[in-house]
């Protein structure tokens, strides 16, 4: 009887150990599957967050596009058409003489034509001579006066010359499309 008891004991212990081994393998496979699934859930959440952010950005851009278009239309009201830029050199020359400066202005290069989203521009160079205070006042007037010209200075080179200063200024003046270009005629 003790032989039979020992045999039954070993069979039961074997079944219990086998059960634990099967349970361990099952948990291991199930655990790795859970890890893979949780990694997929995290990746999906990140993708949803990115797409939500993209949709939000798109909605914001669409909302501001109308505002930007309205701003561009209003800005064009203040810009001259390209043909009106012929008076720009005379404007700077007259302004320079008001500040006791010798001013020469010339357009440079081909103009960049305006589009529906960007103003056109043409480069210019200004050669001026006079006192430093008069040159400062000249620039101050260009910046502060509500003129019909929108100007951007790209480079300013000033150097002492005798009793005064000599300067070479490169910049761009902006313009809008003419009436025929706006209506498509």
Protein backbone atom coordinates (compact mmCIF):
# COMPACT_ATOMS: atom_id res chain seq x y z
CA UNK A 1 0.00 0.00 0.00
CA UNK A 2 2.83 2.34 0.66
CA UNK A 3 4.05 1.70 -2.86
CA UNK A 4 0.74 2.70 -4.24
CA UNK A 5 0.63 5.78 -2.01
CA UNK A 6 4.09 6.85 -3.17
CA UNK A 7 3.10 6.31 -6.77
CA UNK A 8 -0.08 8.36 -6.32
CA UNK A 9 1.91 11.05 -4.52
CA UNK A 10 4.39 11.33 -7.39
CA UNK A 11 1.56 11.39 -9.93
CA UNK A 12 -0.22 14.15 -8.02
CA UNK A 13 3.02 16.13 -7.57
CA UNK A 14 3.72 15.67 -11.32
CA UNK A 15 0.21 16.87 -12.19
CA UNK A 16 0.62 19.91 -9.92
CA UNK A 17 4.07 20.75 -11.33
CA UNK A 18 2.80 20.17 -14.89
CA UNK A 19 -0.14 22.45 -14.13
CA UNK A 20 2.24 25.14 -12.90
CA UNK A 21 4.43 24.73 -16.00
CA UNK A 22 1.39 24.97 -18.31
CA UNK A 23 0.09 27.94 -16.26
CA UNK A 24 3.53 29.61 -16.44
CA UNK A 25 3.76 29.12 -20.20
CA UNK A 26 0.19 30.36 -20.61
CA UNK A 27 0.83 33.44 -18.47
CA UNK A 28 4.08 34.12 -20.29
CA UNK A 29 2.39 33.99 -23.70
CA UNK A 30 -0.62 35.91 -22.43
CA UNK A 31 1.68 38.47 -20.74
CA UNK A 32 3.68 39.08 -23.90
CA UNK A 33 0.42 39.41 -25.83
CA UNK A 34 -0.82 41.95 -23.24
CA UNK A 35 2.49 43.85 -23.54
CA UNK A 36 2.16 43.93 -27.32
CA UNK A 37 -1.48 45.00 -27.10
CA UNK A 38 -0.71 47.73 -24.55
CA UNK A 39 2.14 49.02 -26.75
CA UNK A 40 -0.31 49.10 -29.66
CA UNK A 41 -2.86 50.98 -27.53
CA UNK A 42 -0.21 53.55 -26.57
CA UNK A 43 0.82 53.95 -30.23
CA UNK A 44 -2.82 54.32 -31.27
CA UNK A 45 -3.40 56.96 -28.57
CA UNK A 46 -0.36 58.91 -29.82
CA UNK A 47 -1.64 58.67 -33.40
CA UNK A 48 -5.08 59.90 -32.31
CA UNK A 49 -3.47 62.78 -30.41
CA UNK A 50 -1.39 63.73 -33.48
CA UNK A 51 -4.41 63.58 -35.75
CA UNK A 52 -6.48 65.61 -33.28
CA UNK A 53 -3.70 68.20 -33.16
CA UNK A 54 -3.53 68.26 -36.97
CA UNK A 55 -7.28 68.73 -37.26
CA UNK A 56 -7.15 71.52 -34.67
CA UNK A 57 -4.29 73.21 -36.54
CA UNK A 58 -6.16 72.87 -39.82
CA UNK A 59 -9.28 74.41 -38.30
CA UNK A 60 -7.20 77.28 -36.90
CA UNK A 61 -5.53 77.84 -40.26
CA UNK A 62 -8.88 77.84 -42.05
CA UNK A 63 -10.25 80.33 -39.54
CA UNK A 64 -7.26 82.65 -39.90
CA UNK A 65 -7.08 82.28 -43.68
CA UNK A 66 -10.12 84.50 -44.09
CA UNK A 67 -8.59 87.05 -41.72
CA UNK A 68 -5.28 86.94 -43.58
CA UNK A 69 -7.06 87.41 -46.90
CA UNK A 70 -8.92 90.42 -45.51
CA UNK A 71 -5.66 91.83 -44.13
CA UNK A 72 -3.95 91.37 -47.50
CA UNK A 73 -6.80 93.18 -49.27
CA UNK A 74 -6.58 96.06 -46.81
CA UNK A 75 -2.80 96.18 -47.13
CA UNK A 76 -3.16 96.48 -50.89
CA UNK A 77 -5.23 99.62 -50.38
CA UNK A 78 -2.07 101.28 -49.04
CA UNK A 79 0.28 100.02 -51.74
CA UNK A 80 0.72 101.80 -55.04
CA UNK A 81 0.42 99.97 -58.33
CA UNK A 82 3.71 99.32 -60.09
CA UNK A 83 3.23 102.21 -62.53
CA UNK A 84 3.05 104.66 -59.61
CA UNK A 85 6.57 103.70 -58.49
CA UNK A 86 8.06 106.02 -61.11
CA UNK A 87 7.63 108.85 -58.61
CA UNK A 88 9.45 106.92 -55.84
CA UNK A 89 12.99 108.11 -56.73
CA UNK A 90 11.75 111.71 -56.90
CA UNK A 91 10.05 111.27 -53.51
CA UNK A 92 13.33 110.13 -51.88
CA UNK A 93 15.33 112.84 -53.65
CA UNK A 94 12.91 115.54 -52.47
CA UNK A 95 12.87 114.14 -48.93
CA UNK A 96 16.68 114.10 -48.96
CA UNK A 97 16.93 117.71 -50.07
CA UNK A 98 14.52 118.68 -47.26
CA UNK A 99 17.13 117.22 -44.91
CA UNK A 100 20.03 118.91 -46.75
CA UNK A 101 21.27 115.62 -48.23
CA UNK A 102 22.49 114.83 -51.71
CA UNK A 103 20.42 111.82 -52.76
CA UNK A 104 20.52 109.71 -55.92
CA UNK A 105 18.06 106.83 -56.33
CA UNK A 106 17.98 104.07 -58.93
CA UNK A 107 15.89 100.93 -59.31
CA UNK A 108 17.82 97.66 -59.44
CA UNK A 109 16.95 94.38 -61.09
CA UNK A 110 13.67 93.07 -62.36
CA UNK A 111 10.56 93.47 -60.23
CA UNK A 112 9.01 90.52 -58.41
CA UNK A 113 5.43 90.46 -59.61
CA UNK A 114 2.64 90.37 -57.02
CA UNK A 115 0.52 87.29 -56.48
CA UNK A 116 -2.76 86.80 -54.66
CA UNK A 117 -0.88 86.16 -51.42
CA UNK A 118 2.18 88.40 -51.76
CA UNK A 119 2.86 91.99 -52.75
CA UNK A 120 5.22 92.68 -55.63
CA UNK A 121 8.53 94.43 -55.06
CA UNK A 122 11.43 95.99 -56.88
CA UNK A 123 14.92 96.63 -55.59
CA UNK A 124 16.42 100.10 -55.35
CA UNK A 125 19.71 101.70 -54.36
CA UNK A 126 20.12 105.07 -52.68
CA UNK A 127 23.43 106.94 -52.72
CA UNK A 128 23.38 109.77 -50.21
CA UNK A 129 25.79 112.29 -48.70
CA UNK A 130 25.32 114.63 -45.73
CA UNK A 131 25.64 114.97 -41.97
CA UNK A 132 24.88 112.04 -39.70
CA UNK A 133 22.02 113.86 -37.96
CA UNK A 134 20.42 114.71 -41.31
CA UNK A 135 20.75 111.09 -42.45
CA UNK A 136 19.07 109.94 -39.21
CA UNK A 137 16.25 112.47 -39.75
CA UNK A 138 15.89 111.26 -43.36
CA UNK A 139 15.41 107.64 -42.21
CA UNK A 140 13.11 108.74 -39.40
CA UNK A 141 10.86 110.52 -41.91
CA UNK A 142 10.78 107.48 -44.19
CA UNK A 143 9.76 105.26 -41.26
CA UNK A 144 7.29 107.59 -39.54
CA UNK A 145 5.55 109.45 -42.35
CA UNK A 146 2.42 107.78 -43.60
CA UNK A 147 3.60 107.67 -47.20
CA UNK A 148 2.13 105.68 -50.01
CA UNK A 149 5.33 103.62 -50.23
CA UNK A 150 6.10 100.53 -48.19
CA UNK A 151 9.89 100.24 -48.05
CA UNK A 152 12.22 97.57 -46.68
CA UNK A 153 15.93 98.34 -46.31
CA UNK A 154 18.11 95.30 -46.95
CA UNK A 155 21.55 96.85 -46.42
CA UNK A 156 22.86 100.18 -45.20
CA UNK A 157 26.53 101.10 -45.54
CA UNK A 158 27.57 104.41 -43.97
CA UNK A 159 31.11 105.73 -43.88
CA UNK A 160 32.74 109.01 -42.91
CA UNK A 161 33.47 111.21 -45.92
CA UNK A 162 35.12 114.57 -45.27
CA UNK A 163 32.91 116.67 -43.00
CA UNK A 164 29.92 114.35 -43.34
CA UNK A 165 28.95 110.84 -44.21
CA UNK A 166 28.40 108.89 -47.39
CA UNK A 167 25.88 106.09 -47.50
CA UNK A 168 24.74 103.39 -49.88
CA UNK A 169 21.38 101.87 -49.07
CA UNK A 170 19.86 98.87 -50.80
CA UNK A 171 16.22 98.00 -50.31
CA UNK A 172 12.91 97.03 -51.82
CA UNK A 173 9.74 99.02 -52.40
CA UNK A 174 6.47 97.10 -52.56
CA UNK A 175 3.52 97.44 -54.91
CA UNK A 176 0.21 95.79 -55.68
CA UNK A 177 -1.11 94.38 -58.94
CA UNK A 178 -2.60 96.99 -61.25
CA UNK A 179 -6.36 97.21 -61.81
CA UNK A 180 -6.18 95.19 -65.03
CA UNK A 181 -4.19 92.42 -63.29
CA UNK A 182 -6.67 92.31 -60.40
CA UNK A 183 -9.71 91.95 -62.61
CA UNK A 184 -7.97 89.52 -64.95
CA UNK A 185 -8.40 91.72 -68.03
